[in-house]
C-alpha atoms as a PDB file:
ATOM      1  CA  UNK A   1     -24.717  -0.764  -8.773  1.00  0.00           C
ATOM      2  CA  UNK A   2     -28.520  -1.055  -8.836  1.00  0.00           C
ATOM      3  CA  UNK A   3     -30.424  -0.772  -5.545  1.00  0.00           C
ATOM      4  CA  UNK A   4     -34.045  -0.420  -4.477  1.00  0.00           C
ATOM      5  CA  UNK A   5     -34.223   2.603  -2.216  1.00  0.00           C
ATOM      6  CA  UNK A   6     -36.980   4.061  -0.075  1.00  0.00           C
ATOM      7  CA  UNK A   7     -37.425   7.829  -0.285  1.00  0.00           C
ATOM      8  CA  UNK A   8     -40.369   8.270   2.068  1.00  0.00           C
ATOM      9  CA  UNK A   9     -44.172   8.455   1.686  1.00  0.00           C
ATOM     10  CA  UNK A  10     -44.511   5.358  -0.514  1.00  0.00           C
ATOM     11  CA  UNK A  11     -41.721   6.534  -2.823  1.00  0.00           C
ATOM     12  CA  UNK A  12     -39.679   3.496  -3.876  1.00  0.00           C
ATOM     13  CA  UNK A  13     -37.134   3.555  -6.711  1.00  0.00           C
ATOM     14  CA  UNK A  14     -34.753   1.161  -8.397  1.00  0.00           C
ATOM     15  CA  UNK A  15     -31.769   3.368  -9.096  1.00  0.00           C
ATOM     16  CA  UNK A  16     -28.019   3.555  -9.351  1.00  0.00           C
ATOM     17  CA  UNK A  17     -26.244   3.694  -5.990  1.00  0.00           C
ATOM     18  CA  UNK A  18     -22.550   3.896  -5.079  1.00  0.00           C
ATOM     19  CA  UNK A  19     -20.759   0.569  -4.758  1.00  0.00           C
ATOM     20  CA  UNK A  20     -20.189  -0.066  -1.028  1.00  0.00           C
ATOM     21  CA  UNK A  21     -16.597  -0.363   0.158  1.00  0.00           C
ATOM     22  CA  UNK A  22     -15.461  -2.399   3.132  1.00  0.00           C
ATOM     23  CA  UNK A  23     -14.091  -0.818   6.264  1.00  0.00           C
ATOM     24  CA  UNK A  24     -11.808  -2.556   8.772  1.00  0.00           C
ATOM     25  CA  UNK A  25     -14.747  -4.148  10.582  1.00  0.00           C
ATOM     26  CA  UNK A  26     -17.156  -4.877   7.703  1.00  0.00           C
ATOM     27  CA  UNK A  27     -17.628  -7.463   4.989  1.00  0.00           C
ATOM     28  CA  UNK A  28     -19.029  -7.141   1.456  1.00  0.00           C
ATOM     29  CA  UNK A  29     -21.550  -9.583   0.009  1.00  0.00           C
ATOM     30  CA  UNK A  30     -22.626 -10.146  -3.565  1.00  0.00           C
ATOM     31  CA  UNK A  31     -26.329 -10.853  -3.113  1.00  0.00           C
ATOM     32  CA  UNK A  32     -27.627 -14.015  -4.782  1.00  0.00           C
ATOM     33  CA  UNK A  33     -31.233 -13.904  -3.564  1.00  0.00           C
ATOM     34  CA  UNK A  34     -33.168 -11.499  -1.342  1.00  0.00           C
ATOM     35  CA  UNK A  35     -36.618 -12.283   0.032  1.00  0.00           C
ATOM     36  CA  UNK A  36     -39.434  -9.757   0.076  1.00  0.00           C
ATOM     37  CA  UNK A  37     -41.101  -9.524   3.495  1.00  0.00           C
ATOM     38  CA  UNK A  38     -44.273  -7.981   4.863  1.00  0.00           C
ATOM     39  CA  UNK A  39     -42.056  -5.501   6.708  1.00  0.00           C
ATOM     40  CA  UNK A  40     -40.993  -4.077   3.333  1.00  0.00           C
ATOM     41  CA  UNK A  41     -44.597  -3.330   2.377  1.00  0.00           C
ATOM     42  CA  UNK A  42     -45.248  -2.021   5.901  1.00  0.00           C
ATOM     43  CA  UNK A  43     -42.469   0.519   5.337  1.00  0.00           C
ATOM     44  CA  UNK A  44     -44.188   1.726   2.173  1.00  0.00           C
ATOM     45  CA  UNK A  45     -47.521   2.153   3.946  1.00  0.00           C
ATOM     46  CA  UNK A  46     -46.003   3.888   6.963  1.00  0.00           C
ATOM     47  CA  UNK A  47     -46.665   1.103   9.491  1.00  0.00           C
ATOM     48  CA  UNK A  48     -42.905   0.752   9.977  1.00  0.00           C
ATOM     49  CA  UNK A  49     -40.649   3.797   9.924  1.00  0.00           C
ATOM     50  CA  UNK A  50     -37.465   3.629   7.852  1.00  0.00           C
ATOM     51  CA  UNK A  51     -34.696   6.077   7.073  1.00  0.00           C
ATOM     52  CA  UNK A  52     -35.356   7.941   3.800  1.00  0.00           C
ATOM     53  CA  UNK A  53     -32.744   6.945   1.247  1.00  0.00           C
ATOM     54  CA  UNK A  54     -32.140   3.504   2.748  1.00  0.00           C
ATOM     55  CA  UNK A  55     -31.809   0.427   0.529  1.00  0.00           C
ATOM     56  CA  UNK A  56     -34.605  -1.948   1.533  1.00  0.00           C
ATOM     57  CA  UNK A  57     -34.326  -5.696   2.192  1.00  0.00           C
ATOM     58  CA  UNK A  58     -33.333  -7.797   5.197  1.00  0.00           C
ATOM     59  CA  UNK A  59     -33.636 -11.411   3.996  1.00  0.00           C
ATOM     60  CA  UNK A  60     -30.713 -12.650   1.961  1.00  0.00           C
ATOM     61  CA  UNK A  61     -28.144 -15.185   0.873  1.00  0.00           C
ATOM     62  CA  UNK A  62     -24.948 -14.254  -0.913  1.00  0.00           C
ATOM     63  CA  UNK A  63     -21.235 -14.803  -1.311  1.00  0.00           C
ATOM     64  CA  UNK A  64     -18.364 -12.970   0.355  1.00  0.00           C
ATOM     65  CA  UNK A  65     -16.403 -10.816  -2.104  1.00  0.00           C
ATOM     66  CA  UNK A  66     -14.338  -8.567   0.190  1.00  0.00           C
ATOM     67  CA  UNK A  67     -13.364  -8.609   3.862  1.00  0.00           C
ATOM     68  CA  UNK A  68     -12.128  -5.907   6.225  1.00  0.00           C
ATOM     69  CA  UNK A  69      -8.824  -6.398   8.054  1.00  0.00           C
ATOM     70  CA  UNK A  70     -10.479  -6.870  11.458  1.00  0.00           C
ATOM     71  CA  UNK A  71     -13.089  -9.406  10.286  1.00  0.00           C
ATOM     72  CA  UNK A  72     -12.364 -13.042  11.102  1.00  0.00           C
ATOM     73  CA  UNK A  73     -14.183 -16.329  10.532  1.00  0.00           C
ATOM     74  CA  UNK A  74     -15.012 -15.744   6.870  1.00  0.00           C
ATOM     75  CA  UNK A  75     -13.137 -15.983   3.590  1.00  0.00           C
ATOM     76  CA  UNK A  76     -13.763 -14.744   0.073  1.00  0.00           C
ATOM     77  CA  UNK A  77     -16.134 -17.101  -1.741  1.00  0.00           C
ATOM     78  CA  UNK A  78     -18.032 -18.254   1.366  1.00  0.00           C
ATOM     79  CA  UNK A  79     -21.763 -18.730   0.855  1.00  0.00           C
ATOM     80  CA  UNK A  80     -23.561 -17.089   3.774  1.00  0.00           C
ATOM     81  CA  UNK A  81     -27.005 -16.141   5.000  1.00  0.00           C
ATOM     82  CA  UNK A  82     -27.793 -13.839   7.864  1.00  0.00           C
ATOM     83  CA  UNK A  83     -30.088 -12.216  10.370  1.00  0.00           C
ATOM     84  CA  UNK A  84     -32.320  -9.292   9.439  1.00  0.00           C
ATOM     85  CA  UNK A  85     -30.672  -7.164  12.102  1.00  0.00           C
ATOM     86  CA  UNK A  86     -27.417  -6.796  14.023  1.00  0.00           C
ATOM     87  CA  UNK A  87     -27.723  -7.587  17.758  1.00  0.00           C
ATOM     88  CA  UNK A  88     -25.179  -6.112  20.131  1.00  0.00           C
ATOM     89  CA  UNK A  89     -24.607  -9.522  21.854  1.00  0.00           C
ATOM     90  CA  UNK A  90     -23.682  -7.624  25.032  1.00  0.00           C
ATOM     91  CA  UNK A  91     -26.861  -6.197  26.573  1.00  0.00           C
ATOM     92  CA  UNK A  92     -28.929  -7.894  29.289  1.00  0.00           C
ATOM     93  CA  UNK A  93     -31.183  -9.636  26.732  1.00  0.00           C
ATOM     94  CA  UNK A  94     -28.430 -10.729  24.359  1.00  0.00           C
ATOM     95  CA  UNK A  95     -26.413 -12.235  27.212  1.00  0.00           C
ATOM     96  CA  UNK A  96     -29.334 -14.439  28.200  1.00  0.00           C
ATOM     97  CA  UNK A  97     -29.894 -15.526  24.586  1.00  0.00           C
ATOM     98  CA  UNK A  98     -32.901 -13.342  23.748  1.00  0.00           C
ATOM     99  CA  UNK A  99     -31.212 -11.500  20.889  1.00  0.00           C
ATOM    100  CA  UNK A 100     -34.572 -10.511  19.374  1.00  0.00           C
ATOM    101  CA  UNK A 101     -35.050  -8.263  22.420  1.00  0.00           C
ATOM    102  CA  UNK A 102     -31.666  -6.550  22.034  1.00  0.00           C
ATOM    103  CA  UNK A 103     -31.711  -2.967  23.305  1.00  0.00           C
ATOM    104  CA  UNK A 104     -29.262  -1.798  20.647  1.00  0.00           C
ATOM    105  CA  UNK A 105     -30.058  -3.775  17.481  1.00  0.00           C
ATOM    106  CA  UNK A 106     -29.750  -2.180  14.038  1.00  0.00           C
ATOM    107  CA  UNK A 107     -31.960  -3.458  11.212  1.00  0.00           C
ATOM    108  CA  UNK A 108     -31.012  -3.867   7.580  1.00  0.00           C
ATOM    109  CA  UNK A 109     -33.373  -2.139   5.173  1.00  0.00           C
ATOM    110  CA  UNK A 110     -34.698   0.127   7.922  1.00  0.00           C
ATOM    111  CA  UNK A 111     -31.766   1.943   9.514  1.00  0.00           C
ATOM    112  CA  UNK A 112     -28.855   0.717   7.364  1.00  0.00           C
ATOM    113  CA  UNK A 113     -28.698  -0.363   3.735  1.00  0.00           C
ATOM    114  CA  UNK A 114     -30.101  -3.811   3.089  1.00  0.00           C
ATOM    115  CA  UNK A 115     -30.202  -6.631   0.561  1.00  0.00           C
ATOM    116  CA  UNK A 116     -32.226  -5.281  -2.382  1.00  0.00           C
ATOM    117  CA  UNK A 117     -29.045  -4.428  -4.230  1.00  0.00           C
ATOM    118  CA  UNK A 118     -26.252  -6.067  -6.151  1.00  0.00           C
ATOM    119  CA  UNK A 119     -23.915  -5.741  -3.166  1.00  0.00           C
ATOM    120  CA  UNK A 120     -24.549  -5.380   0.567  1.00  0.00           C
ATOM    121  CA  UNK A 121     -22.146  -4.119   3.217  1.00  0.00           C
ATOM    122  CA  UNK A 122     -22.385  -6.075   6.479  1.00  0.00           C
ATOM    123  CA  UNK A 123     -20.968  -4.405   9.599  1.00  0.00           C
ATOM    124  CA  UNK A 124     -20.027  -6.705  12.488  1.00  0.00           C
ATOM    125  CA  UNK A 125     -20.350  -9.781  10.287  1.00  0.00           C
ATOM    126  CA  UNK A 126     -19.616 -12.144  13.179  1.00  0.00           C
ATOM    127  CA  UNK A 127     -22.908 -11.026  14.784  1.00  0.00           C
ATOM    128  CA  UNK A 128     -24.961 -11.461  11.602  1.00  0.00           C
ATOM    129  CA  UNK A 129     -23.745 -14.185   9.238  1.00  0.00           C
ATOM    130  CA  UNK A 130     -23.137 -17.915   9.127  1.00  0.00           C
ATOM    131  CA  UNK A 131     -21.736 -20.020   6.302  1.00  0.00           C
ATOM    132  CA  UNK A 132     -23.952 -22.606   4.654  1.00  0.00           C
ATOM    133  CA  UNK A 133     -23.989 -25.395   2.093  1.00  0.00           C
ATOM    134  CA  UNK A 134     -27.786 -25.218   1.730  1.00  0.00           C
ATOM    135  CA  UNK A 135     -29.165 -24.152  -1.651  1.00  0.00           C
ATOM    136  CA  UNK A 136     -28.938 -20.362  -1.977  1.00  0.00           C
ATOM    137  CA  UNK A 137     -32.656 -19.800  -2.553  1.00  0.00           C
ATOM    138  CA  UNK A 138     -33.632 -21.887   0.447  1.00  0.00           C
ATOM    139  CA  UNK A 139     -30.907 -20.298   2.577  1.00  0.00           C
ATOM    140  CA  UNK A 140     -32.358 -16.843   1.880  1.00  0.00           C
ATOM    141  CA  UNK A 141     -35.506 -17.955   3.761  1.00  0.00           C
ATOM    142  CA  UNK A 142     -33.755 -19.168   6.899  1.00  0.00           C
ATOM    143  CA  UNK A 143     -32.719 -15.944   8.635  1.00  0.00           C
ATOM    144  CA  UNK A 144     -36.212 -14.437   8.898  1.00  0.00           C
ATOM    145  CA  UNK A 145     -39.089 -16.528   7.492  1.00  0.00           C
ATOM    146  CA  UNK A 146     -38.009 -19.841   9.014  1.00  0.00           C
ATOM    147  CA  UNK A 147     -36.482 -18.290  12.129  1.00  0.00           C
ATOM    148  CA  UNK A 148     -39.724 -16.415  12.883  1.00  0.00           C
ATOM    149  CA  UNK A 149     -41.880 -19.491  12.281  1.00  0.00           C
ATOM    150  CA  UNK A 150     -39.695 -21.689  14.459  1.00  0.00           C
ATOM    151  CA  UNK A 151     -39.579 -19.105  17.257  1.00  0.00           C
ATOM    152  CA  UNK A 152     -43.378 -18.784  17.176  1.00  0.00           C
ATOM    153  CA  UNK A 153     -43.622 -22.519  17.865  1.00  0.00           C
ATOM    154  CA  UNK A 154     -41.159 -22.083  20.737  1.00  0.00           C
ATOM    155  CA  UNK A 155     -43.243 -19.251  22.165  1.00  0.00           C
ATOM    156  CA  UNK A 156     -46.386 -21.379  21.856  1.00  0.00           C
ATOM    157  CA  UNK A 157     -44.748 -24.001  24.069  1.00  0.00           C
ATOM    158  CA  UNK A 158     -46.049 -26.782  21.835  1.00  0.00           C
ATOM    159  CA  UNK A 159     -45.317 -30.389  22.725  1.00  0.00           C
ATOM    160  CA  UNK A 160     -45.911 -33.768  21.099  1.00  0.00           C
ATOM    161  CA  UNK A 161     -49.611 -34.570  20.761  1.00  0.00           C
ATOM    162  CA  UNK A 162     -50.892 -31.002  21.162  1.00  0.00           C
ATOM    163  CA  UNK A 163     -52.926 -28.981  18.659  1.00  0.00           C
ATOM    164  CA  UNK A 164     -52.316 -25.584  17.074  1.00  0.00           C
ATOM    165  CA  UNK A 165     -54.178 -23.291  14.700  1.00  0.00           C
ATOM    166  CA  UNK A 166     -52.225 -21.005  12.371  1.00  0.00           C
ATOM    167  CA  UNK A 167     -54.092 -17.938  11.124  1.00  0.00           C
ATOM    168  CA  UNK A 168     -52.659 -16.965   7.761  1.00  0.00           C
ATOM    169  CA  UNK A 169     -51.094 -19.297   5.206  1.00  0.00           C
ATOM    170  CA  UNK A 170     -48.358 -17.025   3.895  1.00  0.00           C
ATOM    171  CA  UNK A 171     -44.636 -17.858   4.140  1.00  0.00           C
ATOM    172  CA  UNK A 172     -44.381 -17.334   7.914  1.00  0.00           C
ATOM    173  CA  UNK A 173     -47.612 -19.243   8.548  1.00  0.00           C
ATOM    174  CA  UNK A 174     -46.284 -22.151   6.492  1.00  0.00           C
ATOM    175  CA  UNK A 175     -42.954 -21.978   8.341  1.00  0.00           C
ATOM    176  CA  UNK A 176     -44.917 -22.297  11.600  1.00  0.00           C
ATOM    177  CA  UNK A 177     -46.699 -25.293  10.079  1.00  0.00           C
ATOM    178  CA  UNK A 178     -43.417 -26.973   9.144  1.00  0.00           C
ATOM    179  CA  UNK A 179     -41.826 -26.350  12.525  1.00  0.00           C
ATOM    180  CA  UNK A 180     -44.886 -27.588  14.425  1.00  0.00           C
ATOM    181  CA  UNK A 181     -45.171 -30.784  12.383  1.00  0.00           C
ATOM    182  CA  UNK A 182     -41.465 -31.472  12.871  1.00  0.00           C
ATOM    183  CA  UNK A 183     -42.096 -31.279  16.623  1.00  0.00           C
ATOM    184  CA  UNK A 184     -44.785 -33.982  16.278  1.00  0.00           C
ATOM    185  CA  UNK A 185     -47.840 -32.002  17.275  1.00  0.00           C
ATOM    186  CA  UNK A 186     -51.105 -33.854  16.750  1.00  0.00           C
ATOM    187  CA  UNK A 187     -52.880 -31.431  14.410  1.00  0.00           C
ATOM    188  CA  UNK A 188     -51.990 -28.157  12.701  1.00  0.00           C
ATOM    189  CA  UNK A 189     -55.028 -26.269  11.418  1.00  0.00           C
ATOM    190  CA  UNK A 190     -53.986 -23.616   8.940  1.00  0.00           C
ATOM    191  CA  UNK A 191     -56.700 -21.073   8.262  1.00  0.00           C
ATOM    192  CA  UNK A 192     -56.810 -18.552   5.419  1.00  0.00           C
ATOM    193  CA  UNK A 193     -59.043 -17.138   2.693  1.00  0.00           C
ATOM    194  CA  UNK A 194     -56.727 -17.829  -0.246  1.00  0.00           C
ATOM    195  CA  UNK A 195     -57.370 -21.215  -1.877  1.00  0.00           C
ATOM    196  CA  UNK A 196     -54.002 -20.911  -3.596  1.00  0.00           C
ATOM    197  CA  UNK A 197     -52.164 -20.656  -0.264  1.00  0.00           C
ATOM    198  CA  UNK A 198     -54.328 -23.265   1.440  1.00  0.00           C
ATOM    199  CA  UNK A 199     -53.480 -25.781  -1.286  1.00  0.00           C
ATOM    200  CA  UNK A 200     -49.760 -25.242  -0.618  1.00  0.00           C
ATOM    201  CA  UNK A 201     -50.283 -25.572   3.143  1.00  0.00           C
ATOM    202  CA  UNK A 202     -52.238 -28.789   2.632  1.00  0.00           C
ATOM    203  CA  UNK A 203     -49.398 -30.273   0.571  1.00  0.00           C
ATOM    204  CA  UNK A 204     -47.054 -29.412   3.447  1.00  0.00           C
ATOM    205  CA  UNK A 205     -49.168 -31.514   5.804  1.00  0.00           C
ATOM    206  CA  UNK A 206     -51.530 -29.020   7.397  1.00  0.00           C
ATOM    207  CA  UNK A 207     -55.276 -29.337   7.873  1.00  0.00           C
ATOM    208  CA  UNK A 208     -56.360 -26.480   5.610  1.00  0.00           C
ATOM    209  CA  UNK A 209     -59.548 -24.615   6.575  1.00  0.00           C
ATOM    210  CA  UNK A 210     -61.241 -21.894   4.545  1.00  0.00           C
ATOM    211  CA  UNK A 211     -61.588 -18.808   6.745  1.00  0.00           C
ATOM    212  CA  UNK A 212     -64.897 -17.945   5.073  1.00  0.00           C
ATOM    213  CA  UNK A 213     -66.426 -21.088   6.588  1.00  0.00           C
ATOM    214  CA  UNK A 214     -67.315 -21.807  10.231  1.00  0.00           C
ATOM    215  CA  UNK A 215     -63.812 -22.850  11.297  1.00  0.00           C
ATOM    216  CA  UNK A 216     -64.619 -22.330  14.978  1.00  0.00           C
ATOM    217  CA  UNK A 217     -67.273 -25.027  14.847  1.00  0.00           C
ATOM    218  CA  UNK A 218     -64.965 -27.402  12.962  1.00  0.00           C
ATOM    219  CA  UNK A 219     -62.110 -26.968  15.445  1.00  0.00           C
ATOM    220  CA  UNK A 220     -64.442 -27.473  18.422  1.00  0.00           C
ATOM    221  CA  UNK A 221     -65.868 -30.619  16.828  1.00  0.00           C
ATOM    222  CA  UNK A 222     -62.352 -32.017  16.518  1.00  0.00           C
ATOM    223  CA  UNK A 223     -60.879 -30.867  19.825  1.00  0.00           C
ATOM    224  CA  UNK A 224     -63.975 -30.447  22.058  1.00  0.00           C
ATOM    225  CA  UNK A 225     -62.467 -27.501  23.959  1.00  0.00           C
ATOM    226  CA  UNK A 226     -60.208 -25.644  21.490  1.00  0.00           C
ATOM    227  CA  UNK A 227     -56.589 -25.806  20.398  1.00  0.00           C
ATOM    228  CA  UNK A 228     -53.636 -25.612  22.761  1.00  0.00           C
ATOM    229  CA  UNK A 229     -52.216 -22.621  20.897  1.00  0.00           C
ATOM    230  CA  UNK A 230     -52.986 -20.225  18.065  1.00  0.00           C
ATOM    231  CA  UNK A 231     -50.274 -18.501  16.019  1.00  0.00           C
ATOM    232  CA  UNK A 232     -51.570 -15.308  14.427  1.00  0.00           C
ATOM    233  CA  UNK A 233     -49.769 -14.489  11.149  1.00  0.00           C
ATOM    234  CA  UNK A 234     -52.326 -12.292   9.362  1.00  0.00           C
ATOM    235  CA  UNK A 235     -52.379  -9.026  11.316  1.00  0.00           C
ATOM    236  CA  UNK A 236     -56.043  -8.054  11.568  1.00  0.00           C
ATOM    237  CA  UNK A 237     -58.703  -7.514  14.225  1.00  0.00           C
ATOM    238  CA  UNK A 238     -60.849 -10.293  12.756  1.00  0.00           C
ATOM    239  CA  UNK A 239     -58.071 -12.867  12.990  1.00  0.00           C
ATOM    240  CA  UNK A 240     -57.189 -11.819  16.524  1.00  0.00           C
ATOM    241  CA  UNK A 241     -60.848 -12.242  17.513  1.00  0.00           C
ATOM    242  CA  UNK A 242     -60.855 -15.694  15.910  1.00  0.00           C
ATOM    243  CA  UNK A 243     -57.648 -16.610  17.741  1.00  0.00           C
ATOM    244  CA  UNK A 244     -59.298 -15.746  21.056  1.00  0.00           C
ATOM    245  CA  UNK A 245     -62.253 -17.987  20.223  1.00  0.00           C
ATOM    246  CA  UNK A 246     -60.198 -20.937  18.970  1.00  0.00           C
ATOM    247  CA  UNK A 247     -57.728 -21.258  21.839  1.00  0.00           C
ATOM    248  CA  UNK A 248     -58.652 -23.382  24.849  1.00  0.00           C
ATOM    249  CA  UNK A 249     -58.762 -22.137  28.424  1.00  0.00           C
ATOM    250  CA  UNK A 250     -55.206 -21.631  29.623  1.00  0.00           C
ATOM    251  CA  UNK A 251     -53.908 -21.735  26.028  1.00  0.00           C
ATOM    252  CA  UNK A 252     -51.549 -19.371  24.214  1.00  0.00           C
ATOM    253  CA  UNK A 253     -52.061 -16.865  21.411  1.00  0.00           C
ATOM    254  CA  UNK A 254     -48.759 -16.044  19.695  1.00  0.00           C
ATOM    255  CA  UNK A 255     -48.666 -12.935  17.485  1.00  0.00           C
ATOM    256  CA  UNK A 256     -46.059 -12.824  14.702  1.00  0.00           C
ATOM    257  CA  UNK A 257     -47.660 -10.194  12.452  1.00  0.00           C
ATOM    258  CA  UNK A 258     -47.421  -6.420  12.298  1.00  0.00           C
ATOM    259  CA  UNK A 259     -50.738  -5.581  13.965  1.00  0.00           C
ATOM    260  CA  UNK A 260     -52.816  -2.419  13.602  1.00  0.00           C
ATOM    261  CA  UNK A 261     -54.350  -0.951  16.746  1.00  0.00           C
ATOM    262  CA  UNK A 262     -56.633  -3.737  17.982  1.00  0.00           C
ATOM    263  CA  UNK A 263     -58.998  -4.554  20.820  1.00  0.00           C
ATOM    264  CA  UNK A 264     -58.791  -7.629  23.036  1.00  0.00           C
ATOM    265  CA  UNK A 265     -61.698  -9.384  24.675  1.00  0.00           C
ATOM    266  CA  UNK A 266     -60.079  -8.763  28.037  1.00  0.00           C
ATOM    267  CA  UNK A 267     -62.760 -10.417  30.168  1.00  0.00           C
ATOM    268  CA  UNK A 268     -62.389 -13.632  28.152  1.00  0.00           C
ATOM    269  CA  UNK A 269     -58.606 -13.522  28.569  1.00  0.00           C
ATOM    270  CA  UNK A 270     -58.906 -12.952  32.296  1.00  0.00           C
ATOM    271  CA  UNK A 271     -61.629 -15.458  33.162  1.00  0.00           C
ATOM    272  CA  UNK A 272     -60.183 -18.212  30.974  1.00  0.00           C
ATOM    273  CA  UNK A 273     -56.516 -17.432  31.700  1.00  0.00           C
ATOM    274  CA  UNK A 274     -55.539 -17.214  28.048  1.00  0.00           C
ATOM    275  CA  UNK A 275     -52.024 -15.976  27.348  1.00  0.00           C
ATOM    276  CA  UNK A 276     -51.068 -13.517  24.590  1.00  0.00           C
ATOM    277  CA  UNK A 277     -47.383 -13.362  23.636  1.00  0.00           C
ATOM    278  CA  UNK A 278     -45.349 -11.883  20.809  1.00  0.00           C
ATOM    279  CA  UNK A 279     -42.821 -13.628  18.577  1.00  0.00           C
ATOM    280  CA  UNK A 280     -40.173 -11.406  16.990  1.00  0.00           C
ATOM    281  CA  UNK A 281     -37.487 -12.848  14.729  1.00  0.00           C
ATOM    282  CA  UNK A 282     -34.443 -14.030  16.761  1.00  0.00           C
ATOM    283  CA  UNK A 283     -31.062 -12.929  15.462  1.00  0.00           C
ATOM    284  CA  UNK A 284     -27.397 -13.765  15.680  1.00  0.00           C
ATOM    285  CA  UNK A 285     -25.209 -16.682  14.593  1.00  0.00           C
ATOM    286  CA  UNK A 286     -26.129 -19.039  17.442  1.00  0.00           C
ATOM    287  CA  UNK A 287     -29.803 -18.959  16.477  1.00  0.00           C
ATOM    288  CA  UNK A 288     -29.027 -19.136  12.756  1.00  0.00           C
ATOM    289  CA  UNK A 289     -26.997 -22.309  13.285  1.00  0.00           C
ATOM    290  CA  UNK A 290     -29.853 -23.738  15.330  1.00  0.00           C
ATOM    291  CA  UNK A 291     -32.312 -23.048  12.495  1.00  0.00           C
ATOM    292  CA  UNK A 292     -29.935 -24.466   9.894  1.00  0.00           C
ATOM    293  CA  UNK A 293     -29.543 -27.704  11.889  1.00  0.00           C
ATOM    294  CA  UNK A 294     -33.307 -27.954  12.384  1.00  0.00           C
ATOM    295  CA  UNK A 295     -33.943 -27.616   8.647  1.00  0.00           C
ATOM    296  CA  UNK A 296     -31.256 -30.148   7.754  1.00  0.00           C
ATOM    297  CA  UNK A 297     -32.188 -32.707  10.409  1.00  0.00           C
ATOM    298  CA  UNK A 298     -35.867 -32.607   9.473  1.00  0.00           C
ATOM    299  CA  UNK A 299     -35.345 -32.530   5.712  1.00  0.00           C
ATOM    300  CA  UNK A 300     -37.200 -29.264   5.232  1.00  0.00           C
ATOM    301  CA  UNK A 301     -35.185 -27.898   2.292  1.00  0.00           C
ATOM    302  CA  UNK A 302     -37.621 -29.042  -0.399  1.00  0.00           C
ATOM    303  CA  UNK A 303     -40.617 -27.835   1.618  1.00  0.00           C
ATOM    304  CA  UNK A 304     -39.060 -24.399   2.014  1.00  0.00           C
ATOM    305  CA  UNK A 305     -38.251 -24.330  -1.699  1.00  0.00           C
ATOM    306  CA  UNK A 306     -41.943 -25.002  -2.386  1.00  0.00           C
ATOM    307  CA  UNK A 307     -42.795 -21.681  -0.713  1.00  0.00           C
ATOM    308  CA  UNK A 308     -40.954 -19.718  -3.418  1.00  0.00           C
ATOM    309  CA  UNK A 309     -43.647 -18.790  -5.926  1.00  0.00           C
ATOM    310  CA  UNK A 310     -42.189 -15.829  -7.837  1.00  0.00           C
ATOM    311  CA  UNK A 311     -38.763 -14.457  -8.677  1.00  0.00           C
ATOM    312  CA  UNK A 312     -37.941 -11.026 -10.056  1.00  0.00           C
ATOM    313  CA  UNK A 313     -34.815  -9.461 -11.473  1.00  0.00           C
ATOM    314  CA  UNK A 314     -33.513  -6.579  -9.370  1.00  0.00           C
ATOM    315  CA  UNK A 315     -34.508  -4.080 -12.049  1.00  0.00           C
ATOM    316  CA  UNK A 316     -38.128  -5.201 -11.546  1.00  0.00           C
ATOM    317  CA  UNK A 317     -37.867  -5.312  -7.765  1.00  0.00           C
ATOM    318  CA  UNK A 318     -40.227  -2.389  -7.115  1.00  0.00           C
ATOM    319  CA  UNK A 319     -42.970  -4.364  -8.858  1.00  0.00           C
ATOM    320  CA  UNK A 320     -42.084  -7.386  -6.703  1.00  0.00           C
ATOM    321  CA  UNK A 321     -42.490  -5.424  -3.472  1.00  0.00           C
ATOM    322  CA  UNK A 322     -45.696  -3.694  -4.478  1.00  0.00           C
ATOM    323  CA  UNK A 323     -47.292  -6.981  -5.558  1.00  0.00           C
ATOM    324  CA  UNK A 324     -46.566  -8.839  -2.319  1.00  0.00           C
ATOM    325  CA  UNK A 325     -50.089  -8.387  -0.955  1.00  0.00           C
ATOM    326  CA  UNK A 326     -51.515 -10.615  -3.679  1.00  0.00           C
ATOM    327  CA  UNK A 327     -52.962 -13.816  -2.231  1.00  0.00           C
ATOM    328  CA  UNK A 328     -51.833 -15.620  -5.386  1.00  0.00           C
ATOM    329  CA  UNK A 329     -48.208 -15.395  -4.292  1.00  0.00           C
ATOM    330  CA  UNK A 330     -46.128 -16.973  -1.560  1.00  0.00           C
ATOM    331  CA  UNK A 331     -42.451 -16.137  -1.065  1.00  0.00           C
ATOM    332  CA  UNK A 332     -41.133 -13.626  -3.572  1.00  0.00           C
ATOM    333  CA  UNK A 333     -37.411 -13.416  -4.277  1.00  0.00           C
ATOM    334  CA  UNK A 334     -35.459 -10.583  -5.858  1.00  0.00           C
ATOM    335  CA  UNK A 335     -32.401 -11.811  -7.724  1.00  0.00           C
ATOM    336  CA  UNK A 336     -29.698  -9.237  -8.517  1.00  0.00           C
END
């Protein structure tokens, strides 16, 4: 089969790989769609370490084609989507429902072979997958993009009538926008440099602000004292500085991006009691079902579909990954 494999130091190849074979406790998927994520490009640039030789990809939807003897709850032909990693479901954090903090998680496309291939082997499928009737392309966005955006809104503690600024209008930023609007916040300012992405965010219901303009002044004019929360989805010192300026006293800054080494205005955080908190993608079937219900109950399928801007055949997947940084793209899918 074809697979996109990482060989270290920016070396990425689409090449023939052995067809995976199920073991007693694993399940085999035929991949329908696999989403390209910023983590994939971070692996290429060395910001995230991955095992040389690993097949990249951790966002996916596919159909079950083979099942190990010890796997239950799935049948051949099931359409499924899944988490980007396998939580243990038994450590201190997993038992209290914080699977994203699992001490023993294993990530697809980093430690074990992932979804940028024709077939993907899923160990411990009951910890990773759920069945779905949602459109396959949309379903491929649920396990990471939508789950991360929704969790960021949870971490922000947003309630009806509050305000939030989202820094970055990429797929995760727009997922934050969708989740916040569904929770009936008063205003969602979505701030970016790309007019292409801002236009999409505006169609989704956000108040789109050009980051090259004086957005701080605009937000203060509207809110008088700043927004209740800022969700940082861009991963840069300049956006973190802006987040600190935009959030009100006692407000929250939620970081979803892969950040470089950055500096905080610590005196401002201390005097004004501003909170900085991370938001890492939750995993496991319980959270996946929660996300699926949220999308269905709020009619978000068409809005998620609108985030898909480009699709590539697997044989052209290296090009898809390397082009992700373009601001003229949103969600990119690789289709085996």
